[in-house]
Amino acid sequence: MGTAEPASKVVFALSDYPQQRTGSFAWIILIGVLASLVWWVYLRYQQLAIRQDALFNEVSVLRQQMLAQSNSKPTENSSLSVDRTKVERSIDGRLGESAWRIINLVLENPAISNKEIASEMNLSLDGVSSALRRIYAAFGVKGKGNKKVLLSRKILQISTGIDELNKEQ
């Protein structure tokens, strides 16, 4: 009788082995998928950071060009004077005073948040968001991120005449 009991335990243990192996395999697959997802998010973040840096550099170069055109010394507090008529002519429309105030804030600091714009202009956050959506649509700025930087670049290109050169080519 002593020998029959261990044999049944061995059979029982061997029959559970494929279920345990399948469960472990599922966990390994799940961990692999999660690791791949984390890696993809990390790479995407790196790409967006590189793109944002390139856009900031481009805006900085355009600022320097505008300041050079206006014959003023480039300083940290130099304000850019954007040719309003040229910009409005390029979008075939007129922008209101609040839109221009928002644009000027964005030109001063393309990384400014909507909340900072709202507090600076004494507007609601929803009002700023709505105005920015209309401004983005007017200038044809599309995308998920870096819209303020793209808007700054577009306005500076129009104001410096770089946009017209790109259209001719």
Protein backbone atom coordinates (compact mmCIF):
# COMPACT_ATOMS: atom_id res chain seq x y z
CA MET A 1 0.00 0.00 0.00
CA GLY A 2 2.86 2.33 0.66
CA THR A 3 3.92 2.14 -2.99
CA ALA A 4 0.49 2.93 -4.50
CA GLU A 5 0.18 6.27 -2.80
CA PRO A 6 3.39 7.82 -4.20
CA ALA A 7 2.53 6.60 -7.73
CA SER A 8 -0.82 8.45 -7.67
CA LYS A 9 0.92 11.59 -6.39
CA VAL A 10 3.41 11.40 -9.24
CA VAL A 11 0.60 11.03 -11.79
CA PHE A 12 -1.24 13.96 -10.22
CA ALA A 13 1.88 16.11 -10.21
CA LEU A 14 2.64 15.29 -13.85
CA SER A 15 -0.92 16.13 -14.95
CA ASP A 16 -0.65 19.62 -13.36
CA TYR A 17 2.65 20.37 -15.06
CA PRO A 18 1.23 21.52 -18.47
CA GLN A 19 -1.23 23.91 -16.74
CA GLN A 20 1.54 25.47 -14.69
CA ARG A 21 3.72 25.78 -17.78
CA THR A 22 0.91 27.43 -19.76
CA GLY A 23 0.31 29.93 -16.96
CA SER A 24 3.99 30.81 -16.76
CA PHE A 25 4.15 31.20 -20.53
CA ALA A 26 1.19 33.62 -20.44
CA TRP A 27 2.95 35.73 -17.78
CA ILE A 28 6.14 35.82 -19.83
CA ILE A 29 4.18 36.98 -22.89
CA LEU A 30 2.37 39.65 -20.84
CA ILE A 31 5.64 40.96 -19.38
CA GLY A 32 7.18 41.03 -22.86
CA VAL A 33 4.25 42.99 -24.28
CA LEU A 34 4.35 45.48 -21.39
CA ALA A 35 8.11 45.92 -21.75
CA SER A 36 7.68 46.55 -25.48
CA LEU A 37 4.96 49.12 -24.79
CA VAL A 38 7.12 50.94 -22.24
CA TRP A 39 10.04 50.95 -24.69
CA TRP A 40 7.81 52.36 -27.48
CA VAL A 41 6.52 55.15 -25.20
CA TYR A 42 10.09 56.01 -24.20
CA LEU A 43 11.25 56.20 -27.83
CA ARG A 44 8.21 58.29 -28.79
CA TYR A 45 8.94 60.69 -25.94
CA GLN A 46 12.55 61.01 -27.08
CA GLN A 47 11.44 61.76 -30.66
CA LEU A 48 9.03 64.44 -29.46
CA ALA A 49 11.71 66.00 -27.25
CA ILE A 50 14.15 66.14 -30.18
CA ARG A 51 11.48 67.68 -32.42
CA GLN A 52 10.59 70.26 -29.78
CA ASP A 53 14.25 71.24 -29.36
CA ALA A 54 14.61 71.65 -33.12
CA LEU A 55 11.50 73.83 -33.27
CA PHE A 56 12.72 76.00 -30.37
CA ASN A 57 16.05 76.44 -32.15
CA GLU A 58 14.31 77.40 -35.37
CA VAL A 59 12.15 79.96 -33.55
CA SER A 60 15.28 81.36 -31.92
CA VAL A 61 16.98 81.75 -35.31
CA LEU A 62 13.89 83.46 -36.72
CA ARG A 63 13.84 85.84 -33.74
CA GLN A 64 17.47 86.72 -34.36
CA GLN A 65 16.71 87.37 -38.04
CA MET A 66 13.80 89.63 -37.14
CA LEU A 67 15.89 91.54 -34.63
CA ALA A 68 18.66 91.91 -37.20
CA GLN A 69 16.16 93.23 -39.75
CA SER A 70 14.88 95.80 -37.28
CA ASN A 71 18.50 96.91 -36.58
CA SER A 72 18.20 96.43 -32.85
CA LYS A 73 20.61 94.63 -30.62
CA PRO A 74 19.42 91.15 -29.66
CA THR A 75 18.85 91.13 -25.94
CA GLU A 76 16.93 88.87 -23.68
CA ASN A 77 14.06 91.38 -23.35
CA SER A 78 13.88 92.48 -26.98
CA SER A 79 10.29 92.48 -28.08
CA LEU A 80 9.52 91.39 -31.59
CA SER A 81 7.42 93.64 -33.73
CA VAL A 82 5.47 91.41 -36.05
CA ASP A 83 4.13 92.97 -39.24
CA ARG A 84 0.44 92.70 -38.43
CA THR A 85 -0.84 93.59 -41.88
CA LYS A 86 1.49 91.11 -43.54
CA VAL A 87 0.40 88.35 -41.18
CA GLU A 88 -3.32 89.11 -41.58
CA ARG A 89 -2.92 89.29 -45.35
CA SER A 90 -1.30 85.85 -45.37
CA ILE A 91 -4.26 84.27 -43.57
CA ASP A 92 -6.85 86.26 -45.57
CA GLY A 93 -8.54 87.57 -42.47
CA ARG A 94 -8.31 89.85 -39.48
CA LEU A 95 -7.52 88.87 -35.95
CA GLY A 96 -9.04 90.55 -32.90
CA GLU A 97 -7.09 92.36 -30.21
CA SER A 98 -7.29 89.46 -27.76
CA ALA A 99 -5.96 87.09 -30.44
CA TRP A 100 -3.03 89.44 -31.05
CA ARG A 101 -2.33 89.68 -27.33
CA ILE A 102 -2.29 85.88 -27.12
CA ILE A 103 -0.03 85.68 -30.18
CA ASN A 104 2.38 88.19 -28.65
CA LEU A 105 2.54 86.18 -25.42
CA VAL A 106 3.20 83.00 -27.41
CA LEU A 107 5.89 84.76 -29.44
CA GLU A 108 7.59 85.93 -26.25
CA ASN A 109 7.52 82.43 -24.77
CA PRO A 110 6.44 79.52 -27.02
CA ALA A 111 6.49 77.19 -23.99
CA ILE A 112 3.88 79.25 -22.13
CA SER A 113 0.94 77.27 -20.81
CA ASN A 114 -2.71 78.11 -21.44
CA LYS A 115 -3.09 78.69 -17.72
CA GLU A 116 -0.29 81.27 -17.73
CA ILE A 117 -1.85 83.04 -20.73
CA ALA A 118 -5.22 83.08 -18.94
CA SER A 119 -3.78 84.63 -15.80
CA GLU A 120 -1.71 87.16 -17.79
CA MET A 121 -4.72 88.30 -19.82
CA ASN A 122 -7.37 87.91 -17.11
CA LEU A 123 -9.33 85.45 -19.22
CA SER A 124 -10.79 82.07 -18.43
CA LEU A 125 -8.83 78.97 -19.34
CA ASP A 126 -11.65 77.89 -21.67
CA GLY A 127 -11.56 81.29 -23.37
CA VAL A 128 -7.82 80.99 -24.00
CA SER A 129 -8.17 77.44 -25.29
CA SER A 130 -10.97 78.47 -27.63
CA ALA A 131 -9.04 81.48 -28.92
CA LEU A 132 -5.95 79.33 -29.51
CA ARG A 133 -8.01 76.78 -31.47
CA ARG A 134 -9.28 79.58 -33.74
CA ILE A 135 -5.75 80.98 -34.14
CA TYR A 136 -4.33 77.54 -34.96
CA ALA A 137 -7.06 77.03 -37.55
CA ALA A 138 -6.43 80.46 -39.10
CA PHE A 139 -2.71 79.71 -39.52
CA GLY A 140 -3.17 76.06 -40.49
CA VAL A 141 -1.26 74.77 -37.47
CA LYS A 142 -2.00 71.08 -37.02
CA GLY A 143 -0.62 68.34 -34.84
CA LYS A 144 -0.88 66.99 -31.36
CA GLY A 145 2.02 68.69 -29.67
CA ASN A 146 4.18 71.79 -29.89
CA LYS A 147 1.38 73.84 -31.45
CA LYS A 148 2.49 77.07 -29.80
CA VAL A 149 6.03 76.59 -31.08
CA LEU A 150 4.70 75.79 -34.56
CA LEU A 151 2.49 78.89 -34.40
CA SER A 152 5.46 81.04 -33.39
CA ARG A 153 7.52 79.64 -36.24
CA LYS A 154 4.73 80.22 -38.76
CA ILE A 155 4.14 83.83 -37.67
CA LEU A 156 7.85 84.63 -37.60
CA GLN A 157 8.29 83.07 -41.05
CA ILE A 158 5.44 85.16 -42.44
CA SER A 159 6.70 88.33 -40.78
CA THR A 160 10.29 87.88 -41.97
CA GLY A 161 9.21 86.90 -45.49
CA ILE A 162 10.61 83.40 -45.23
CA ASP A 163 7.13 81.96 -45.78
CA GLU A 164 6.88 83.74 -49.15
CA LEU A 165 10.23 82.29 -50.22
CA ASN A 166 9.00 78.79 -49.36
CA LYS A 167 5.82 79.31 -51.41
CA GLU A 168 7.81 80.37 -54.47
CA GLN A 169 10.05 77.30 -54.41
